[in-house]
Amino acid sequence: PVHLAELAKLLAPEPEGVDAGNFAAHQRRAQPEVAEAELQRLREELAAERAKPPREVPVLSPEHVSLLQDLRDRIDATLHRFGAPAARQAIPPPAAAPKVPRPNRAAKWIPGDRVREGEVFGPAPAAGQPKGGKGRMLAALRRMARPLSRDELATLAHVARNGGTFTNYLSELKTEGLIHVRADRTIEATEAGLAAFHLGPTVPFRLSEVIAAWAFGRAQGAMVAALVAAADRGCTREELAKAGGIEVSGGTFGNYLSEIRVAGFLSERNRRVFLAPFLLGLAR
């Protein structure tokens, strides 16, 4: 704020012929004119600022928005993990929910697994056939019978898309001549790749199979189910947190949302969360 009286006092010079005894009285008489001049100057500066054209604000792309949202979730999770105990206690614990069986872990070939062998990715590979994530990637390409994007392939093969392991698998399969990366950067199995892994189902994945393969926890599974039910409408973060029985402001929600995003199950736009479009297609 501008204190006009003080400003006038500082700006007013001591006039000639006025001694120290009556200078104060003279200054009081001069203050209104000085103050009015200073006020007029400030009005002109304000008018000049208002006359300037508005500044352009850059618009973030959807990819940048999604990246910032992911960073926000991770920061929330980190603050929740390392924050002061009092801050963590500020969020009341969620109400106890009835225990439900975890979905079967169908993504690994493990002897004695609760899932029947071959239910999702085919029977255990024979000697010399690609195993683990590489085998699941070939099985996914064989089942979908079309080129897949990197994100689609990682999600269907139950491999974290943003990890170095997935990149290594792609490099090895390409070097071995089992996959081909097309000009549009989609990936397809070569004839050698189909011959190297030719067991198991040949029909496209069902959405329920993909969800079961990732074996989400109870809360994450409920959040994914809410996205499936919402279809093209999508969910707000508050709706997802309610579906999972957790607080939207807590670090747990940020962790769970990040886990579902890394699995490739969601996309975000206009402050709403949607099931990834290619997964929504598997449900129809």
Protein backbone atom coordinates (compact mmCIF):
# COMPACT_ATOMS: atom_id res chain seq x y z
CA PRO A 1 0.00 0.00 0.00
CA VAL A 2 1.08 3.58 -0.69
CA HIS A 3 1.00 5.90 2.35
CA LEU A 4 0.31 9.19 0.62
CA ALA A 5 0.95 11.38 3.65
CA GLU A 6 4.37 9.89 4.32
CA LEU A 7 5.22 9.98 0.64
CA ALA A 8 4.26 13.65 0.39
CA LYS A 9 6.33 14.44 3.46
CA LEU A 10 9.42 12.90 1.91
CA LEU A 11 8.92 14.42 -1.53
CA ALA A 12 8.11 17.98 -0.48
CA PRO A 13 11.32 20.12 -0.60
CA GLU A 14 11.98 22.81 1.96
CA PRO A 15 10.98 26.06 0.24
CA GLU A 16 13.20 29.09 0.21
CA GLY A 17 12.49 31.63 2.89
CA VAL A 18 10.88 29.14 5.24
CA ASP A 19 12.78 28.52 8.43
CA ALA A 20 12.70 25.39 10.54
CA GLY A 21 10.08 26.83 12.87
CA ASN A 22 7.31 27.23 10.30
CA PHE A 23 8.43 24.52 7.82
CA ALA A 24 6.09 21.92 9.34
CA ALA A 25 3.08 24.19 8.86
CA HIS A 26 4.15 24.94 5.30
CA GLN A 27 4.60 21.25 4.60
CA ARG A 28 1.08 20.48 5.81
CA ARG A 29 -0.27 23.08 3.38
CA ALA A 30 1.79 21.58 0.50
CA GLN A 31 0.90 17.94 1.15
CA PRO A 32 -2.43 17.78 -0.74
CA GLU A 33 -0.85 18.97 -4.00
CA VAL A 34 2.09 16.55 -3.69
CA ALA A 35 -0.18 13.66 -2.77
CA GLU A 36 -2.51 14.35 -5.68
CA ALA A 37 0.43 14.46 -8.11
CA GLU A 38 1.76 11.14 -6.83
CA LEU A 39 -1.73 9.59 -6.97
CA GLN A 40 -2.13 10.74 -10.57
CA ARG A 41 1.22 9.16 -11.46
CA LEU A 42 0.12 5.86 -9.93
CA ARG A 43 -3.19 6.01 -11.83
CA GLU A 44 -1.29 6.46 -15.09
CA GLU A 45 0.99 3.49 -14.33
CA LEU A 46 -2.02 1.32 -13.54
CA ALA A 47 -3.78 2.36 -16.76
CA ALA A 48 -0.63 1.57 -18.75
CA GLU A 49 -0.43 -1.91 -17.22
CA ARG A 50 -4.09 -2.60 -17.96
CA ALA A 51 -3.60 -1.51 -21.57
CA LYS A 52 -0.92 -4.10 -22.19
CA PRO A 53 -2.04 -7.22 -24.15
CA PRO A 54 -2.65 -10.33 -22.05
CA ARG A 55 0.26 -12.73 -21.68
CA GLU A 56 0.00 -16.08 -23.44
CA VAL A 57 0.06 -19.08 -21.11
CA PRO A 58 1.40 -22.31 -22.68
CA VAL A 59 -1.06 -25.23 -22.70
CA LEU A 60 0.23 -28.60 -21.51
CA SER A 61 -0.28 -31.58 -23.77
CA PRO A 62 -2.27 -34.61 -22.45
CA GLU A 63 1.02 -36.53 -22.18
CA HIS A 64 2.55 -33.82 -19.98
CA VAL A 65 -0.61 -33.69 -17.85
CA SER A 66 -0.49 -37.46 -17.35
CA LEU A 67 3.21 -37.26 -16.44
CA LEU A 68 2.56 -34.51 -13.90
CA GLN A 69 -0.30 -36.50 -12.40
CA ASP A 70 1.94 -39.53 -12.07
CA LEU A 71 4.62 -37.38 -10.40
CA ARG A 72 2.02 -35.95 -8.05
CA ASP A 73 0.91 -39.46 -7.07
CA ARG A 74 4.49 -40.50 -6.41
CA ILE A 75 5.22 -37.35 -4.39
CA ASP A 76 2.06 -37.91 -2.32
CA ALA A 77 3.14 -41.48 -1.69
CA THR A 78 6.65 -40.41 -0.67
CA LEU A 79 5.38 -37.72 1.68
CA HIS A 80 3.00 -40.20 3.22
CA ARG A 81 5.79 -42.73 3.71
CA PHE A 82 8.37 -40.36 5.23
CA GLY A 83 6.15 -37.66 6.70
CA ALA A 84 5.70 -36.91 10.39
CA PRO A 85 3.58 -39.44 12.34
CA ALA A 86 1.09 -36.70 13.21
CA ALA A 87 0.48 -36.01 9.54
CA ARG A 88 -0.24 -39.65 8.86
CA GLN A 89 -2.61 -39.90 11.80
CA ALA A 90 -4.65 -37.00 10.46
CA ILE A 91 -6.25 -39.39 7.94
CA PRO A 92 -8.64 -41.81 9.64
CA PRO A 93 -8.08 -45.46 8.77
CA PRO A 94 -10.55 -46.97 6.28
CA ALA A 95 -13.36 -49.08 7.58
CA ALA A 96 -12.61 -52.78 7.69
CA ALA A 97 -13.84 -54.55 4.58
CA PRO A 98 -14.78 -58.21 4.30
CA LYS A 99 -11.97 -60.37 3.05
CA VAL A 100 -12.35 -61.65 -0.48
CA PRO A 101 -10.16 -64.19 -2.28
CA ARG A 102 -7.33 -62.66 -4.28
CA PRO A 103 -7.52 -63.31 -8.02
CA ASN A 104 -5.48 -66.20 -9.31
CA ARG A 105 -1.92 -65.42 -10.32
CA ALA A 106 -2.09 -66.72 -13.86
CA ALA A 107 0.83 -64.75 -15.25
CA LYS A 108 3.59 -67.13 -14.15
CA TRP A 109 4.26 -70.72 -15.05
CA ILE A 110 4.62 -72.17 -11.57
CA PRO A 111 4.11 -75.89 -10.87
CA GLY A 112 1.11 -76.34 -8.63
CA ASP A 113 -0.31 -72.88 -9.31
CA ARG A 114 -4.00 -72.56 -8.50
CA VAL A 115 -4.74 -71.70 -12.14
CA ARG A 116 -4.97 -74.58 -14.57
CA GLU A 117 -1.91 -74.74 -16.81
CA GLY A 118 -2.50 -73.09 -20.14
CA GLU A 119 -5.54 -71.09 -19.00
CA VAL A 120 -4.09 -67.72 -20.04
CA PHE A 121 -0.67 -68.03 -21.65
CA GLY A 122 -0.51 -71.68 -22.55
CA PRO A 123 1.28 -74.62 -20.93
CA ALA A 124 4.80 -74.37 -19.59
CA PRO A 125 7.26 -73.85 -22.45
CA ALA A 126 9.19 -76.89 -23.57
CA ALA A 127 12.97 -76.98 -23.57
CA GLY A 128 14.39 -74.41 -25.97
CA GLN A 129 11.24 -72.28 -26.09
CA PRO A 130 11.16 -68.71 -24.77
CA LYS A 131 10.24 -68.62 -21.10
CA GLY A 132 9.04 -66.07 -18.58
CA GLY A 133 8.19 -62.61 -19.88
CA LYS A 134 9.56 -63.32 -23.36
CA GLY A 135 7.30 -66.35 -23.68
CA ARG A 136 4.29 -64.40 -22.44
CA MET A 137 4.99 -61.65 -24.98
CA LEU A 138 5.01 -64.16 -27.85
CA ALA A 139 1.87 -65.79 -26.44
CA ALA A 140 0.14 -62.37 -26.34
CA LEU A 141 1.11 -61.59 -29.95
CA ARG A 142 -0.14 -65.01 -31.01
CA ARG A 143 -3.45 -64.68 -29.19
CA MET A 144 -4.25 -61.16 -30.43
CA ALA A 145 -3.20 -62.00 -34.02
CA ARG A 146 -2.42 -58.36 -34.82
CA PRO A 147 0.44 -55.93 -34.25
CA LEU A 148 0.47 -54.47 -30.75
CA SER A 149 1.83 -51.23 -29.39
CA ARG A 150 4.50 -51.38 -26.69
CA ASP A 151 1.96 -50.47 -24.00
CA GLU A 152 -0.54 -53.08 -25.18
CA LEU A 153 2.08 -55.80 -25.34
CA ALA A 154 3.46 -55.01 -21.89
CA THR A 155 0.01 -55.03 -20.30
CA LEU A 156 -1.15 -58.23 -22.00
CA ALA A 157 2.12 -60.04 -21.20
CA HIS A 158 2.16 -58.87 -17.57
CA VAL A 159 5.46 -57.01 -17.85
CA ALA A 160 5.96 -53.52 -16.37
CA ARG A 161 6.05 -51.22 -19.39
CA ASN A 162 8.34 -48.58 -17.85
CA GLY A 163 11.01 -50.97 -16.63
CA GLY A 164 14.28 -51.97 -18.21
CA THR A 165 13.22 -55.62 -18.21
CA PHE A 166 10.58 -55.03 -20.89
CA THR A 167 13.06 -53.18 -23.09
CA ASN A 168 15.56 -56.01 -22.66
CA TYR A 169 12.95 -58.60 -23.64
CA LEU A 170 12.10 -56.64 -26.79
CA SER A 171 15.75 -56.34 -27.74
CA GLU A 172 16.41 -60.06 -27.21
CA LEU A 173 13.32 -61.18 -29.14
CA LYS A 174 14.21 -58.84 -32.00
CA THR A 175 17.81 -60.07 -32.07
CA GLU A 176 16.59 -63.67 -32.13
CA GLY A 177 14.32 -62.87 -35.08
CA LEU A 178 11.13 -63.72 -33.17
CA ILE A 179 9.46 -60.30 -33.45
CA HIS A 180 9.42 -57.47 -35.96
CA VAL A 181 9.02 -53.76 -35.16
CA ARG A 182 6.96 -52.13 -37.91
CA ALA A 183 7.36 -48.62 -39.33
CA ASP A 184 4.53 -47.38 -37.07
CA ARG A 185 6.49 -48.83 -34.07
CA THR A 186 3.92 -51.54 -33.42
CA ILE A 187 5.22 -55.05 -32.79
CA GLU A 188 4.26 -58.33 -34.45
CA ALA A 189 5.51 -61.88 -34.14
CA THR A 190 7.50 -63.29 -37.05
CA GLU A 191 6.87 -66.74 -38.46
CA ALA A 192 9.86 -67.92 -36.46
CA GLY A 193 8.34 -66.38 -33.33
CA LEU A 194 5.01 -68.12 -33.86
CA ALA A 195 6.81 -71.39 -34.51
CA ALA A 196 8.95 -70.99 -31.39
CA PHE A 197 5.86 -70.58 -29.22
CA HIS A 198 2.81 -72.27 -30.67
CA LEU A 199 1.02 -73.73 -27.64
CA GLY A 200 -1.94 -72.45 -25.64
CA PRO A 201 -5.13 -70.55 -26.58
CA THR A 202 -5.42 -68.89 -29.96
CA VAL A 203 -8.43 -66.63 -29.31
CA PRO A 204 -8.00 -62.97 -28.24
CA PHE A 205 -7.72 -62.19 -24.55
CA ARG A 206 -10.78 -61.56 -22.44
CA LEU A 207 -10.55 -58.59 -20.09
CA SER A 208 -11.13 -60.85 -17.09
CA GLU A 209 -8.02 -62.85 -18.04
CA VAL A 210 -5.83 -59.76 -18.23
CA ILE A 211 -7.06 -58.52 -14.84
CA ALA A 212 -6.51 -61.96 -13.28
CA ALA A 213 -2.98 -62.12 -14.70
CA TRP A 214 -1.96 -58.96 -12.86
CA ALA A 215 -3.38 -60.26 -9.56
CA PHE A 216 -4.21 -56.86 -8.10
CA GLY A 217 -4.93 -56.52 -4.40
CA ARG A 218 -8.46 -56.07 -3.09
CA ALA A 219 -8.50 -52.26 -3.24
CA GLN A 220 -6.72 -52.01 -6.59
CA GLY A 221 -9.01 -54.69 -8.05
CA ALA A 222 -12.06 -52.75 -6.88
CA MET A 223 -10.68 -49.60 -8.48
CA VAL A 224 -10.15 -51.43 -11.79
CA ALA A 225 -13.68 -52.87 -11.56
CA ALA A 226 -15.03 -49.33 -11.12
CA LEU A 227 -13.20 -48.23 -14.27
CA VAL A 228 -14.66 -51.17 -16.19
CA ALA A 229 -18.17 -50.37 -14.96
CA ALA A 230 -17.79 -46.67 -15.82
CA ALA A 231 -16.70 -47.55 -19.39
CA ASP A 232 -16.57 -44.40 -21.56
CA ARG A 233 -17.75 -42.12 -18.72
CA GLY A 234 -14.65 -42.61 -16.60
CA CYS A 235 -14.29 -41.92 -12.87
CA THR A 236 -13.13 -39.06 -10.72
CA ARG A 237 -10.34 -39.71 -8.25
CA GLU A 238 -12.86 -39.45 -5.44
CA GLU A 239 -15.02 -42.15 -7.03
CA LEU A 240 -12.00 -44.46 -7.44
CA ALA A 241 -10.94 -43.93 -3.83
CA LYS A 242 -14.47 -44.70 -2.64
CA ALA A 243 -14.54 -47.87 -4.74
CA GLY A 244 -11.27 -48.99 -3.17
CA GLY A 245 -12.38 -48.08 0.35
CA ILE A 246 -9.51 -45.64 0.90
CA GLU A 247 -9.02 -41.89 1.36
CA VAL A 248 -8.34 -39.94 -1.83
CA SER A 249 -5.99 -37.61 0.07
CA GLY A 250 -3.82 -40.38 1.47
CA GLY A 251 -0.56 -41.74 0.15
CA THR A 252 -2.09 -45.19 -0.22
CA PHE A 253 -4.39 -43.96 -2.96
CA GLY A 254 -1.44 -42.44 -4.83
CA ASN A 255 0.47 -45.72 -4.57
CA TYR A 256 -2.45 -47.80 -5.82
CA LEU A 257 -3.22 -45.45 -8.71
CA SER A 258 0.44 -45.49 -9.75
CA GLU A 259 0.45 -49.31 -9.63
CA ILE A 260 -2.59 -49.50 -11.91
CA ARG A 261 -1.05 -46.92 -14.27
CA VAL A 262 2.25 -48.82 -14.50
CA ALA A 263 0.27 -51.94 -15.40
CA GLY A 264 -1.14 -49.99 -18.35
CA PHE A 265 -4.77 -50.14 -17.23
CA LEU A 266 -5.73 -46.49 -17.24
CA SER A 267 -5.61 -43.21 -19.10
CA GLU A 268 -6.45 -39.73 -17.80
CA ARG A 269 -8.02 -36.73 -19.45
CA ASN A 270 -10.07 -33.75 -18.32
CA ARG A 271 -9.41 -34.64 -14.66
CA ARG A 272 -11.12 -38.03 -15.04
CA VAL A 273 -9.64 -41.53 -15.07
CA PHE A 274 -10.59 -44.07 -17.75
CA LEU A 275 -9.83 -47.69 -18.47
CA ALA A 276 -7.25 -47.93 -21.26
CA PRO A 277 -9.18 -47.93 -24.57
CA PHE A 278 -7.70 -51.20 -25.86
CA LEU A 279 -8.71 -52.96 -22.64
CA LEU A 280 -12.20 -51.54 -22.87
CA GLY A 281 -12.37 -53.15 -26.32
CA LEU A 282 -11.65 -56.56 -24.78
CA ALA A 283 -14.71 -56.19 -22.55
CA ARG A 284 -17.11 -55.67 -25.47
